[in-house]
PDB file of N, CA and C in Angstrom:
ATOM      1  N   MET A   1     132.279  96.582  82.329  1.00  0.00           N
ATOM      2  CA  MET A   1     133.135  97.752  82.328  1.00  0.00           C
ATOM      3  C   MET A   1     134.099  97.750  81.154  1.00  0.00           C
ATOM      4  N   TRP A   2     134.279  96.651  80.463  1.00  0.00           N
ATOM      5  CA  TRP A   2     135.221  96.644  79.349  1.00  0.00           C
ATOM      6  C   TRP A   2     134.727  95.703  78.271  1.00  0.00           C
ATOM      7  N   ASN A   3     135.242  95.874  77.092  1.00  0.00           N
ATOM      8  CA  ASN A   3     134.817  95.150  75.911  1.00  0.00           C
ATOM      9  C   ASN A   3     135.747  93.963  75.683  1.00  0.00           C
ATOM     10  N   ALA A   4     135.322  92.763  76.040  1.00  0.00           N
ATOM     11  CA  ALA A   4     136.164  91.571  75.927  1.00  0.00           C
ATOM     12  C   ALA A   4     136.303  91.096  74.484  1.00  0.00           C
ATOM     13  N   GLN A   5     135.415  91.526  73.600  1.00  0.00           N
ATOM     14  CA  GLN A   5     135.457  91.068  72.213  1.00  0.00           C
ATOM     15  C   GLN A   5     136.211  91.994  71.265  1.00  0.00           C
ATOM     16  N   GLY A   6     136.606  93.148  71.699  1.00  0.00           N
ATOM     17  CA  GLY A   6     137.232  94.093  70.767  1.00  0.00           C
ATOM     18  C   GLY A   6     138.333  94.883  71.428  1.00  0.00           C
ATOM     19  N   ARG A   7     138.635  96.026  70.844  1.00  0.00           N
ATOM     20  CA  ARG A   7     139.699  96.860  71.366  1.00  0.00           C
ATOM     21  C   ARG A   7     139.238  97.593  72.618  1.00  0.00           C
ATOM     22  N   GLY A   8     140.202  98.050  73.382  1.00  0.00           N
ATOM     23  CA  GLY A   8     139.877  98.798  74.581  1.00  0.00           C
ATOM     24  C   GLY A   8     139.418 100.204  74.255  1.00  0.00           C
ATOM     25  N   PHE A   9     138.807 100.828  75.194  1.00  0.00           N
ATOM     26  CA  PHE A   9     138.409 102.214  75.045  1.00  0.00           C
ATOM     27  C   PHE A   9     138.492 102.868  76.405  1.00  0.00           C
ATOM     28  N   PRO A  10     138.729 104.156  76.493  1.00  0.00           N
ATOM     29  CA  PRO A  10     138.708 105.151  75.424  1.00  0.00           C
ATOM     30  C   PRO A  10     140.005 105.158  74.630  1.00  0.00           C
ATOM     31  N   ASP A  11     139.959 105.791  73.464  1.00  0.00           N
ATOM     32  CA  ASP A  11     141.168 105.908  72.655  1.00  0.00           C
ATOM     33  C   ASP A  11     142.041 107.059  73.148  1.00  0.00           C
ATOM     34  N   VAL A  12     141.419 108.146  73.549  1.00  0.00           N
ATOM     35  CA  VAL A  12     142.141 109.354  73.960  1.00  0.00           C
ATOM     36  C   VAL A  12     141.376 110.052  75.079  1.00  0.00           C
ATOM     37  N   ALA A  13     141.961 111.106  75.616  1.00  0.00           N
ATOM     38  CA  ALA A  13     141.327 111.872  76.689  1.00  0.00           C
ATOM     39  C   ALA A  13     141.519 113.355  76.448  1.00  0.00           C
ATOM     40  N   ALA A  14     140.787 114.136  77.198  1.00  0.00           N
ATOM     41  CA  ALA A  14     140.957 115.591  77.198  1.00  0.00           C
ATOM     42  C   ALA A  14     140.429 116.100  78.525  1.00  0.00           C
ATOM     43  N   PHE A  15     140.931 117.237  78.948  1.00  0.00           N
ATOM     44  CA  PHE A  15     140.458 117.817  80.199  1.00  0.00           C
ATOM     45  C   PHE A  15     138.988 118.160  80.050  1.00  0.00           C
ATOM     46  N   GLY A  16     138.154 117.580  80.865  1.00  0.00           N
ATOM     47  CA  GLY A  16     136.717 117.768  80.716  1.00  0.00           C
ATOM     48  C   GLY A  16     136.056 118.392  81.918  1.00  0.00           C
ATOM     49  N   GLY A  17     136.768 119.222  82.661  1.00  0.00           N
ATOM     50  CA  GLY A  17     136.167 119.825  83.839  1.00  0.00           C
ATOM     51  C   GLY A  17     136.197 121.332  83.793  1.00  0.00           C
ATOM     52  N   GLN A  18     135.086 121.939  84.146  1.00  0.00           N
ATOM     53  CA  GLN A  18     134.965 123.393  84.246  1.00  0.00           C
ATOM     54  C   GLN A  18     135.400 124.097  82.966  1.00  0.00           C
ATOM     55  N   ASN A  19     134.985 123.583  81.830  1.00  0.00           N
ATOM     56  CA  ASN A  19     135.288 124.206  80.547  1.00  0.00           C
ATOM     57  C   ASN A  19     134.181 125.191  80.193  1.00  0.00           C
ATOM     58  N   LEU A  20     134.537 126.232  79.458  1.00  0.00           N
ATOM     59  CA  LEU A  20     133.524 127.131  78.932  1.00  0.00           C
ATOM     60  C   LEU A  20     133.035 126.579  77.615  1.00  0.00           C
ATOM     61  N   VAL A  21     131.727 126.450  77.487  1.00  0.00           N
ATOM     62  CA  VAL A  21     131.099 125.903  76.295  1.00  0.00           C
ATOM     63  C   VAL A  21     130.175 126.974  75.738  1.00  0.00           C
ATOM     64  N   VAL A  22     130.247 127.197  74.427  1.00  0.00           N
ATOM     65  CA  VAL A  22     129.374 128.176  73.787  1.00  0.00           C
ATOM     66  C   VAL A  22     128.359 127.423  72.947  1.00  0.00           C
ATOM     67  N   THR A  23     127.085 127.618  73.260  1.00  0.00           N
ATOM     68  CA  THR A  23     125.990 127.002  72.513  1.00  0.00           C
ATOM     69  C   THR A  23     125.008 128.102  72.130  1.00  0.00           C
ATOM     70  N   ASP A  24     124.757 128.266  70.853  1.00  0.00           N
ATOM     71  CA  ASP A  24     123.866 129.328  70.371  1.00  0.00           C
ATOM     72  C   ASP A  24     124.240 130.688  70.962  1.00  0.00           C
ATOM     73  N   ARG A  25     125.541 130.953  70.963  1.00  0.00           N
ATOM     74  CA  ARG A  25     126.106 132.220  71.435  1.00  0.00           C
ATOM     75  C   ARG A  25     125.922 132.463  72.935  1.00  0.00           C
ATOM     76  N   VAL A  26     125.583 131.418  73.666  1.00  0.00           N
ATOM     77  CA  VAL A  26     125.455 131.511  75.116  1.00  0.00           C
ATOM     78  C   VAL A  26     126.631 130.764  75.737  1.00  0.00           C
ATOM     79  N   VAL A  27     127.389 131.448  76.591  1.00  0.00           N
ATOM     80  CA  VAL A  27     128.545 130.859  77.251  1.00  0.00           C
ATOM     81  C   VAL A  27     128.081 130.253  78.571  1.00  0.00           C
ATOM     82  N   GLN A  28     128.443 128.992  78.769  1.00  0.00           N
ATOM     83  CA  GLN A  28     128.116 128.321  80.018  1.00  0.00           C
ATOM     84  C   GLN A  28     129.240 127.387  80.394  1.00  0.00           C
ATOM     85  N   GLN A  29     129.240 126.984  81.653  1.00  0.00           N
ATOM     86  CA  GLN A  29     130.260 126.056  82.114  1.00  0.00           C
ATOM     87  C   GLN A  29     129.772 124.639  81.843  1.00  0.00           C
ATOM     88  N   GLY A  30     130.662 123.807  81.310  1.00  0.00           N
ATOM     89  CA  GLY A  30     130.316 122.425  81.020  1.00  0.00           C
ATOM     90  C   GLY A  30     131.485 121.527  81.346  1.00  0.00           C
ATOM     91  N   GLY A  31     131.300 120.261  81.071  1.00  0.00           N
ATOM     92  CA  GLY A  31     132.393 119.350  81.358  1.00  0.00           C
ATOM     93  C   GLY A  31     132.080 117.945  80.918  1.00  0.00           C
ATOM     94  N   GLY A  32     133.005 117.060  81.214  1.00  0.00           N
ATOM     95  CA  GLY A  32     132.854 115.653  80.861  1.00  0.00           C
ATOM     96  C   GLY A  32     132.999 115.428  79.373  1.00  0.00           C
ATOM     97  N   THR A  33     132.358 114.379  78.903  1.00  0.00           N
ATOM     98  CA  THR A  33     132.414 114.016  77.489  1.00  0.00           C
ATOM     99  C   THR A  33     131.891 115.146  76.613  1.00  0.00           C
ATOM    100  N   SER A  34     130.929 115.907  77.118  1.00  0.00           N
ATOM    101  CA  SER A  34     130.360 117.008  76.345  1.00  0.00           C
ATOM    102  C   SER A  34     131.375 118.098  76.058  1.00  0.00           C
ATOM    103  N   ALA A  35     132.439 118.163  76.819  1.00  0.00           N
ATOM    104  CA  ALA A  35     133.513 119.127  76.566  1.00  0.00           C
ATOM    105  C   ALA A  35     134.685 118.461  75.855  1.00  0.00           C
ATOM    106  N   SER A  36     135.000 117.237  76.239  1.00  0.00           N
ATOM    107  CA  SER A  36     136.179 116.552  75.694  1.00  0.00           C
ATOM    108  C   SER A  36     135.992 116.104  74.252  1.00  0.00           C
ATOM    109  N   SER A  37     134.839 115.582  73.919  1.00  0.00           N
ATOM    110  CA  SER A  37     134.616 115.089  72.553  1.00  0.00           C
ATOM    111  C   SER A  37     134.723 116.183  71.506  1.00  0.00           C
ATOM    112  N   PRO A  38     134.093 117.344  71.708  1.00  0.00           N
ATOM    113  CA  PRO A  38     134.265 118.410  70.718  1.00  0.00           C
ATOM    114  C   PRO A  38     135.713 118.889  70.605  1.00  0.00           C
ATOM    115  N   LEU A  39     136.443 118.865  71.716  1.00  0.00           N
ATOM    116  CA  LEU A  39     137.847 119.253  71.665  1.00  0.00           C
ATOM    117  C   LEU A  39     138.603 118.321  70.716  1.00  0.00           C
ATOM    118  N   TRP A  40     138.433 117.012  70.889  1.00  0.00           N
ATOM    119  CA  TRP A  40     139.122 116.055  70.021  1.00  0.00           C
ATOM    120  C   TRP A  40     138.616 116.136  68.580  1.00  0.00           C
ATOM    121  N   ALA A  41     137.340 116.416  68.403  1.00  0.00           N
ATOM    122  CA  ALA A  41     136.819 116.588  67.038  1.00  0.00           C
ATOM    123  C   ALA A  41     137.531 117.752  66.352  1.00  0.00           C
ATOM    124  N   GLY A  42     137.753 118.827  67.105  1.00  0.00           N
ATOM    125  CA  GLY A  42     138.477 119.967  66.552  1.00  0.00           C
ATOM    126  C   GLY A  42     139.921 119.643  66.237  1.00  0.00           C
ATOM    127  N   VAL A  43     140.576 118.923  67.143  1.00  0.00           N
ATOM    128  CA  VAL A  43     141.978 118.538  66.923  1.00  0.00           C
ATOM    129  C   VAL A  43     142.080 117.660  65.678  1.00  0.00           C
ATOM    130  N   TYR A  44     141.219 116.652  65.579  1.00  0.00           N
ATOM    131  CA  TYR A  44     141.295 115.764  64.415  1.00  0.00           C
ATOM    132  C   TYR A  44     140.888 116.493  63.140  1.00  0.00           C
ATOM    133  N   GLY A  45     139.999 117.477  63.280  1.00  0.00           N
ATOM    134  CA  GLY A  45     139.652 118.311  62.129  1.00  0.00           C
ATOM    135  C   GLY A  45     140.862 119.087  61.619  1.00  0.00           C
ATOM    136  N   LEU A  46     141.658 119.627  62.538  1.00  0.00           N
ATOM    137  CA  LEU A  46     142.889 120.324  62.146  1.00  0.00           C
ATOM    138  C   LEU A  46     143.868 119.355  61.476  1.00  0.00           C
ATOM    139  N   MET A  47     143.969 118.146  62.025  1.00  0.00           N
ATOM    140  CA  MET A  47     144.862 117.140  61.432  1.00  0.00           C
ATOM    141  C   MET A  47     144.388 116.773  60.027  1.00  0.00           C
ATOM    142  N   ASN A  48     143.079 116.591  59.852  1.00  0.00           N
ATOM    143  CA  ASN A  48     142.530 116.275  58.535  1.00  0.00           C
ATOM    144  C   ASN A  48     142.748 117.419  57.560  1.00  0.00           C
ATOM    145  N   SER A  49     142.607 118.629  58.045  1.00  0.00           N
ATOM    146  CA  SER A  49     142.829 119.803  57.199  1.00  0.00           C
ATOM    147  C   SER A  49     144.270 119.842  56.693  1.00  0.00           C
ATOM    148  N   ALA A  50     145.218 119.545  57.578  1.00  0.00           N
ATOM    149  CA  ALA A  50     146.631 119.505  57.181  1.00  0.00           C
ATOM    150  C   ALA A  50     146.861 118.411  56.148  1.00  0.00           C
ATOM    151  N   SER A  51     146.222 117.268  56.348  1.00  0.00           N
ATOM    152  CA  SER A  51     146.354 116.170  55.388  1.00  0.00           C
ATOM    153  C   SER A  51     145.763 116.566  54.035  1.00  0.00           C
ATOM    154  N   PHE A  52     144.567 117.128  54.069  1.00  0.00           N
ATOM    155  CA  PHE A  52     143.895 117.496  52.824  1.00  0.00           C
ATOM    156  C   PHE A  52     144.678 118.558  52.066  1.00  0.00           C
ATOM    157  N   LYS A  53     145.260 119.492  52.814  1.00  0.00           N
ATOM    158  CA  LYS A  53     146.059 120.551  52.187  1.00  0.00           C
ATOM    159  C   LYS A  53     147.278 119.975  51.472  1.00  0.00           C
ATOM    160  N   LYS A  54     147.872 118.947  52.070  1.00  0.00           N
ATOM    161  CA  LYS A  54     149.096 118.379  51.507  1.00  0.00           C
ATOM    162  C   LYS A  54     148.827 117.322  50.433  1.00  0.00           C
ATOM    163  N   THR A  55     147.785 116.489  50.650  1.00  0.00           N
ATOM    164  CA  THR A  55     147.570 115.348  49.750  1.00  0.00           C
ATOM    165  C   THR A  55     146.261 115.390  48.977  1.00  0.00           C
ATOM    166  N   GLY A  56     145.354 116.277  49.392  1.00  0.00           N
ATOM    167  CA  GLY A  56     144.027 116.294  48.777  1.00  0.00           C
ATOM    168  C   GLY A  56     143.118 115.220  49.337  1.00  0.00           C
ATOM    169  N   LYS A  57     143.567 114.502  50.374  1.00  0.00           N
ATOM    170  CA  LYS A  57     142.783 113.407  50.957  1.00  0.00           C
ATOM    171  C   LYS A  57     142.735 113.545  52.479  1.00  0.00           C
ATOM    172  N   PRO A  58     141.622 113.093  53.080  1.00  0.00           N
ATOM    173  CA  PRO A  58     141.553 113.082  54.539  1.00  0.00           C
ATOM    174  C   PRO A  58     142.359 111.916  55.111  1.00  0.00           C
ATOM    175  N   LEU A  59     142.544 111.942  56.409  1.00  0.00           N
ATOM    176  CA  LEU A  59     143.302 110.868  57.080  1.00  0.00           C
ATOM    177  C   LEU A  59     142.518 109.568  57.198  1.00  0.00           C
ATOM    178  N   GLY A  60     141.213 109.653  57.185  1.00  0.00           N
ATOM    179  CA  GLY A  60     140.392 108.462  57.376  1.00  0.00           C
ATOM    180  C   GLY A  60     139.967 108.350  58.830  1.00  0.00           C
ATOM    181  N   PRO A  61     139.504 107.164  59.236  1.00  0.00           N
ATOM    182  CA  PRO A  61     139.018 106.984  60.606  1.00  0.00           C
ATOM    183  C   PRO A  61     140.068 107.386  61.648  1.00  0.00           C
ATOM    184  N   ALA A  62     139.606 108.053  62.693  1.00  0.00           N
ATOM    185  CA  ALA A  62     140.518 108.619  63.686  1.00  0.00           C
ATOM    186  C   ALA A  62     141.301 107.564  64.458  1.00  0.00           C
ATOM    187  N   ALA A  63     140.627 106.560  65.002  1.00  0.00           N
ATOM    188  CA  ALA A  63     141.315 105.620  65.903  1.00  0.00           C
ATOM    189  C   ALA A  63     142.539 104.966  65.263  1.00  0.00           C
ATOM    190  N   PRO A  64     142.437 104.373  64.080  1.00  0.00           N
ATOM    191  CA  PRO A  64     143.635 103.746  63.502  1.00  0.00           C
ATOM    192  C   PRO A  64     144.782 104.738  63.301  1.00  0.00           C
ATOM    193  N   TYR A  65     144.443 105.955  62.870  1.00  0.00           N
ATOM    194  CA  TYR A  65     145.519 106.926  62.634  1.00  0.00           C
ATOM    195  C   TYR A  65     146.148 107.386  63.948  1.00  0.00           C
ATOM    196  N   LEU A  66     145.339 107.589  64.987  1.00  0.00           N
ATOM    197  CA  LEU A  66     145.895 108.014  66.269  1.00  0.00           C
ATOM    198  C   LEU A  66     146.819 106.948  66.856  1.00  0.00           C
ATOM    199  N   TYR A  67     146.475 105.679  66.701  1.00  0.00           N
ATOM    200  CA  TYR A  67     147.370 104.614  67.186  1.00  0.00           C
ATOM    201  C   TYR A  67     148.639 104.547  66.335  1.00  0.00           C
ATOM    202  N   HIS A  68     148.526 104.859  65.051  1.00  0.00           N
ATOM    203  CA  HIS A  68     149.693 104.947  64.171  1.00  0.00           C
ATOM    204  C   HIS A  68     150.624 106.064  64.666  1.00  0.00           C
ATOM    205  N   VAL A  69     150.038 107.215  64.978  1.00  0.00           N
ATOM    206  CA  VAL A  69     150.842 108.331  65.504  1.00  0.00           C
ATOM    207  C   VAL A  69     151.516 107.906  66.801  1.00  0.00           C
ATOM    208  N   TYR A  70     150.757 107.294  67.700  1.00  0.00           N
ATOM    209  CA  TYR A  70     151.297 106.905  69.005  1.00  0.00           C
ATOM    210  C   TYR A  70     152.469 105.935  68.858  1.00  0.00           C
ATOM    211  N   ALA A  71     152.377 105.020  67.901  1.00  0.00           N
ATOM    212  CA  ALA A  71     153.454 104.045  67.691  1.00  0.00           C
ATOM    213  C   ALA A  71     154.738 104.727  67.231  1.00  0.00           C
ATOM    214  N   GLN A  72     154.610 105.803  66.470  1.00  0.00           N
ATOM    215  CA  GLN A  72     155.772 106.501  65.928  1.00  0.00           C
ATOM    216  C   GLN A  72     156.227 107.680  66.794  1.00  0.00           C
ATOM    217  N   ALA A  73     155.267 108.333  67.450  1.00  0.00           N
ATOM    218  CA  ALA A  73     155.582 109.565  68.184  1.00  0.00           C
ATOM    219  C   ALA A  73     154.709 109.687  69.434  1.00  0.00           C
ATOM    220  N   PRO A  74     154.974 108.865  70.442  1.00  0.00           N
ATOM    221  CA  PRO A  74     154.137 108.917  71.651  1.00  0.00           C
ATOM    222  C   PRO A  74     154.170 110.281  72.341  1.00  0.00           C
ATOM    223  N   GLN A  75     155.179 111.090  72.062  1.00  0.00           N
ATOM    224  CA  GLN A  75     155.264 112.424  72.648  1.00  0.00           C
ATOM    225  C   GLN A  75     154.143 113.344  72.158  1.00  0.00           C
ATOM    226  N   CYS A  76     153.407 112.930  71.147  1.00  0.00           N
ATOM    227  CA  CYS A  76     152.272 113.720  70.663  1.00  0.00           C
ATOM    228  C   CYS A  76     151.055 113.589  71.573  1.00  0.00           C
ATOM    229  N   PHE A  77     151.178 112.780  72.603  1.00  0.00           N
ATOM    230  CA  PHE A  77     150.118 112.607  73.591  1.00  0.00           C
ATOM    231  C   PHE A  77     150.720 112.812  74.979  1.00  0.00           C
ATOM    232  N   THR A  78     150.008 113.517  75.838  1.00  0.00           N
ATOM    233  CA  THR A  78     150.450 113.661  77.217  1.00  0.00           C
ATOM    234  C   THR A  78     149.879 112.486  77.997  1.00  0.00           C
ATOM    235  N   ASP A  79     150.762 111.642  78.479  1.00  0.00           N
ATOM    236  CA  ASP A  79     150.356 110.436  79.197  1.00  0.00           C
ATOM    237  C   ASP A  79     149.884 110.815  80.602  1.00  0.00           C
ATOM    238  N   ILE A  80     148.670 110.448  80.935  1.00  0.00           N
ATOM    239  CA  ILE A  80     148.110 110.710  82.262  1.00  0.00           C
ATOM    240  C   ILE A  80     148.356 109.471  83.113  1.00  0.00           C
ATOM    241  N   THR A  81     149.137 109.612  84.162  1.00  0.00           N
ATOM    242  CA  THR A  81     149.528 108.453  84.969  1.00  0.00           C
ATOM    243  C   THR A  81     149.030 108.503  86.409  1.00  0.00           C
ATOM    244  N   ILE A  82     148.291 109.526  86.758  1.00  0.00           N
ATOM    245  CA  ILE A  82     147.725 109.625  88.106  1.00  0.00           C
ATOM    246  C   ILE A  82     146.220 109.830  87.974  1.00  0.00           C
ATOM    247  N   GLY A  83     145.456 108.966  88.614  1.00  0.00           N
ATOM    248  CA  GLY A  83     144.006 109.121  88.610  1.00  0.00           C
ATOM    249  C   GLY A  83     143.302 107.802  88.398  1.00  0.00           C
ATOM    250  N   ASP A  84     141.983 107.859  88.422  1.00  0.00           N
ATOM    251  CA  ASP A  84     141.172 106.654  88.241  1.00  0.00           C
ATOM    252  C   ASP A  84     139.748 107.048  87.882  1.00  0.00           C
ATOM    253  N   ASN A  85     138.958 106.048  87.551  1.00  0.00           N
ATOM    254  CA  ASN A  85     137.528 106.261  87.330  1.00  0.00           C
ATOM    255  C   ASN A  85     136.728 105.298  88.214  1.00  0.00           C
ATOM    256  N   THR A  86     137.272 105.012  89.386  1.00  0.00           N
ATOM    257  CA  THR A  86     136.670 103.993  90.243  1.00  0.00           C
ATOM    258  C   THR A  86     135.407 104.444  90.941  1.00  0.00           C
ATOM    259  N   CYS A  87     135.302 105.710  91.265  1.00  0.00           N
ATOM    260  CA  CYS A  87     134.133 106.123  92.032  1.00  0.00           C
ATOM    261  C   CYS A  87     133.858 107.607  91.838  1.00  0.00           C
ATOM    262  N   PRO A  88     132.810 107.929  91.094  1.00  0.00           N
ATOM    263  CA  PRO A  88     132.458 109.347  90.932  1.00  0.00           C
ATOM    264  C   PRO A  88     131.805 109.857  92.216  1.00  0.00           C
ATOM    265  N   THR A  89     132.608 110.376  93.130  1.00  0.00           N
ATOM    266  CA  THR A  89     132.109 110.738  94.461  1.00  0.00           C
ATOM    267  C   THR A  89     131.015 111.797  94.421  1.00  0.00           C
ATOM    268  N   ALA A  90     130.953 112.573  93.376  1.00  0.00           N
ATOM    269  CA  ALA A  90     129.876 113.548  93.291  1.00  0.00           C
ATOM    270  C   ALA A  90     128.522 112.865  93.097  1.00  0.00           C
ATOM    271  N   ILE A  91     128.548 111.631  92.607  1.00  0.00           N
ATOM    272  CA  ILE A  91     127.316 110.897  92.329  1.00  0.00           C
ATOM    273  C   ILE A  91     127.067 109.826  93.393  1.00  0.00           C
ATOM    274  N   VAL A  92     128.113 109.152  93.813  1.00  0.00           N
ATOM    275  CA  VAL A  92     127.985 108.031  94.738  1.00  0.00           C
ATOM    276  C   VAL A  92     128.730 108.363  96.019  1.00  0.00           C
ATOM    277  N   ASN A  93     128.043 108.332  97.141  1.00  0.00           N
ATOM    278  CA  ASN A  93     128.700 108.633  98.417  1.00  0.00           C
ATOM    279  C   ASN A  93     129.346 107.404  99.032  1.00  0.00           C
ATOM    280  N   ASP A  94     128.789 106.215  98.794  1.00  0.00           N
ATOM    281  CA  ASP A  94     129.340 104.991  99.358  1.00  0.00           C
ATOM    282  C   ASP A  94     130.154 104.293  98.284  1.00  0.00           C
ATOM    283  N   CYS A  95     131.475 104.449  98.333  1.00  0.00           N
ATOM    284  CA  CYS A  95     132.344 103.915  97.285  1.00  0.00           C
ATOM    285  C   CYS A  95     132.689 102.446  97.487  1.00  0.00           C
ATOM    286  N   SER A  96     132.100 101.783  98.468  1.00  0.00           N
ATOM    287  CA  SER A  96     132.404 100.364  98.671  1.00  0.00           C
ATOM    288  C   SER A  96     131.916  99.525  97.493  1.00  0.00           C
ATOM    289  N   GLU A  97     130.972 100.020  96.740  1.00  0.00           N
ATOM    290  CA  GLU A  97     130.437  99.301  95.581  1.00  0.00           C
ATOM    291  C   GLU A  97     131.063  99.761  94.267  1.00  0.00           C
ATOM    292  N   CYS A  98     131.978 100.698  94.311  1.00  0.00           N
ATOM    293  CA  CYS A  98     132.543 101.267  93.088  1.00  0.00           C
ATOM    294  C   CYS A  98     133.572 100.335  92.452  1.00  0.00           C
ATOM    295  N   HIS A  99     133.557 100.310  91.148  1.00  0.00           N
ATOM    296  CA  HIS A  99     134.522  99.531  90.378  1.00  0.00           C
ATOM    297  C   HIS A  99     135.019 100.414  89.242  1.00  0.00           C
ATOM    298  N   GLY A 100     136.203 100.170  88.817  1.00  0.00           N
ATOM    299  CA  GLY A 100     136.750 100.965  87.726  1.00  0.00           C
ATOM    300  C   GLY A 100     138.204 100.638  87.511  1.00  0.00           C
ATOM    301  N   PHE A 101     138.925 101.588  86.962  1.00  0.00           N
ATOM    302  CA  PHE A 101     140.306 101.374  86.574  1.00  0.00           C
ATOM    303  C   PHE A 101     141.181 102.519  87.051  1.00  0.00           C
ATOM    304  N   TYR A 102     142.478 102.265  87.052  1.00  0.00           N
ATOM    305  CA  TYR A 102     143.466 103.274  87.395  1.00  0.00           C
ATOM    306  C   TYR A 102     144.283 103.605  86.160  1.00  0.00           C
ATOM    307  N   THR A 103     144.796 104.829  86.124  1.00  0.00           N
ATOM    308  CA  THR A 103     145.674 105.200  85.027  1.00  0.00           C
ATOM    309  C   THR A 103     146.997 104.452  85.156  1.00  0.00           C
ATOM    310  N   ALA A 104     147.718 104.381  84.062  1.00  0.00           N
ATOM    311  CA  ALA A 104     149.008 103.691  84.035  1.00  0.00           C
ATOM    312  C   ALA A 104     149.858 104.310  82.937  1.00  0.00           C
ATOM    313  N   LYS A 105     151.123 103.958  82.906  1.00  0.00           N
ATOM    314  CA  LYS A 105     152.018 104.425  81.844  1.00  0.00           C
ATOM    315  C   LYS A 105     151.556 103.826  80.517  1.00  0.00           C
ATOM    316  N   GLY A 106     151.501 104.648  79.487  1.00  0.00           N
ATOM    317  CA  GLY A 106     151.037 104.192  78.182  1.00  0.00           C
ATOM    318  C   GLY A 106     149.517 104.162  78.133  1.00  0.00           C
ATOM    319  N   TRP A 107     148.972 103.388  77.216  1.00  0.00           N
ATOM    320  CA  TRP A 107     147.514 103.302  77.100  1.00  0.00           C
ATOM    321  C   TRP A 107     146.933 102.736  78.390  1.00  0.00           C
ATOM    322  N   ASP A 108     145.825 103.290  78.828  1.00  0.00           N
ATOM    323  CA  ASP A 108     145.096 102.726  79.967  1.00  0.00           C
ATOM    324  C   ASP A 108     143.600 102.937  79.737  1.00  0.00           C
ATOM    325  N   PRO A 109     142.761 102.177  80.458  1.00  0.00           N
ATOM    326  CA  PRO A 109     141.314 102.247  80.229  1.00  0.00           C
ATOM    327  C   PRO A 109     140.634 103.470  80.858  1.00  0.00           C
ATOM    328  N   VAL A 110     141.399 104.400  81.378  1.00  0.00           N
ATOM    329  CA  VAL A 110     140.825 105.628  81.913  1.00  0.00           C
ATOM    330  C   VAL A 110     141.053 106.774  80.932  1.00  0.00           C
ATOM    331  N   THR A 111     142.277 106.901  80.421  1.00  0.00           N
ATOM    332  CA  THR A 111     142.619 108.047  79.566  1.00  0.00           C
ATOM    333  C   THR A 111     143.113 107.649  78.179  1.00  0.00           C
ATOM    334  N   GLY A 112     143.021 106.379  77.835  1.00  0.00           N
ATOM    335  CA  GLY A 112     143.466 105.954  76.512  1.00  0.00           C
ATOM    336  C   GLY A 112     144.936 106.274  76.284  1.00  0.00           C
ATOM    337  N   LEU A 113     145.235 106.862  75.134  1.00  0.00           N
ATOM    338  CA  LEU A 113     146.608 107.230  74.795  1.00  0.00           C
ATOM    339  C   LEU A 113     147.053 108.494  75.522  1.00  0.00           C
ATOM    340  N   GLY A 114     146.108 109.279  76.004  1.00  0.00           N
ATOM    341  CA  GLY A 114     146.426 110.513  76.712  1.00  0.00           C
ATOM    342  C   GLY A 114     145.732 111.710  76.095  1.00  0.00           C
ATOM    343  N   THR A 115     146.192 112.891  76.471  1.00  0.00           N
ATOM    344  CA  THR A 115     145.620 114.135  75.962  1.00  0.00           C
ATOM    345  C   THR A 115     146.469 114.646  74.790  1.00  0.00           C
ATOM    346  N   PRO A 116     145.885 115.495  73.931  1.00  0.00           N
ATOM    347  CA  PRO A 116     146.595 115.889  72.712  1.00  0.00           C
ATOM    348  C   PRO A 116     147.671 116.937  72.928  1.00  0.00           C
ATOM    349  N   ASN A 117     148.795 116.728  72.250  1.00  0.00           N
ATOM    350  CA  ASN A 117     149.796 117.772  72.067  1.00  0.00           C
ATOM    351  C   ASN A 117     149.568 118.219  70.621  1.00  0.00           C
ATOM    352  N   VAL A 118     148.743 119.230  70.451  1.00  0.00           N
ATOM    353  CA  VAL A 118     148.249 119.605  69.120  1.00  0.00           C
ATOM    354  C   VAL A 118     149.379 119.963  68.166  1.00  0.00           C
ATOM    355  N   GLU A 119     150.326 120.762  68.613  1.00  0.00           N
ATOM    356  CA  GLU A 119     151.442 121.144  67.739  1.00  0.00           C
ATOM    357  C   GLU A 119     152.190 119.909  67.246  1.00  0.00           C
ATOM    358  N   CYS A 120     152.453 118.978  68.137  1.00  0.00           N
ATOM    359  CA  CYS A 120     153.153 117.751  67.770  1.00  0.00           C
ATOM    360  C   CYS A 120     152.331 116.926  66.783  1.00  0.00           C
ATOM    361  N   LEU A 121     151.025 116.809  67.040  1.00  0.00           N
ATOM    362  CA  LEU A 121     150.163 116.038  66.137  1.00  0.00           C
ATOM    363  C   LEU A 121     150.154 116.635  64.736  1.00  0.00           C
ATOM    364  N   LEU A 122     150.055 117.960  64.641  1.00  0.00           N
ATOM    365  CA  LEU A 122     150.051 118.605  63.322  1.00  0.00           C
ATOM    366  C   LEU A 122     151.396 118.447  62.624  1.00  0.00           C
ATOM    367  N   ASN A 123     152.487 118.569  63.375  1.00  0.00           N
ATOM    368  CA  ASN A 123     153.808 118.356  62.783  1.00  0.00           C
ATOM    369  C   ASN A 123     153.973 116.923  62.310  1.00  0.00           C
ATOM    370  N   PHE A 124     153.426 115.973  63.060  1.00  0.00           N
ATOM    371  CA  PHE A 124     153.512 114.569  62.669  1.00  0.00           C
ATOM    372  C   PHE A 124     152.768 114.350  61.351  1.00  0.00           C
ATOM    373  N   VAL A 125     151.573 114.893  61.238  1.00  0.00           N
ATOM    374  CA  VAL A 125     150.798 114.726  59.998  1.00  0.00           C
ATOM    375  C   VAL A 125     151.586 115.276  58.822  1.00  0.00           C
ATOM    376  N   GLU A 126     152.154 116.455  58.982  1.00  0.00           N
ATOM    377  CA  GLU A 126     152.934 117.065  57.903  1.00  0.00           C
ATOM    378  C   GLU A 126     154.092 116.169  57.464  1.00  0.00           C
ATOM    379  N   ALA A 127     154.778 115.581  58.419  1.00  0.00           N
ATOM    380  CA  ALA A 127     155.939 114.744  58.121  1.00  0.00           C
ATOM    381  C   ALA A 127     155.554 113.353  57.651  1.00  0.00           C
ATOM    382  N   ASP A 128     154.398 112.873  58.061  1.00  0.00           N
ATOM    383  CA  ASP A 128     153.983 111.491  57.785  1.00  0.00           C
ATOM    384  C   ASP A 128     153.457 111.307  56.376  1.00  0.00           C
ATOM    385  N   LEU A 129     152.986 112.373  55.763  1.00  0.00           N
ATOM    386  CA  LEU A 129     152.332 112.237  54.446  1.00  0.00           C
ATOM    387  C   LEU A 129     153.289 112.483  53.306  1.00  0.00           C
TER     388      LEU A 129
END
């Protein structure tokens, strides 16, 4: 369930339930990683765009920069402190065999640093460069 040789994951989270997803101009309901990952890709794309506009250079790999932001401005992430990933009841009816983690204050193995506060992240990039 976790990587003993490296850093923890996930790095960040996003609301991944009952989202509208547009694929080839068809609107459908989606969720999970298929909804959350594109959201973060868009957020980091906006952050990179702000960086490129100001410096002519991209920010580089996302994870190191996001942890840099968190160290300086944790308010740029909404900390999720209630919830867990111990048992996906929609998939498993008998949770006696379920294992997982609970959310906690700060980084946790369920939601990482938290969900994006996009305005704060963009303001941080502007001020940081």
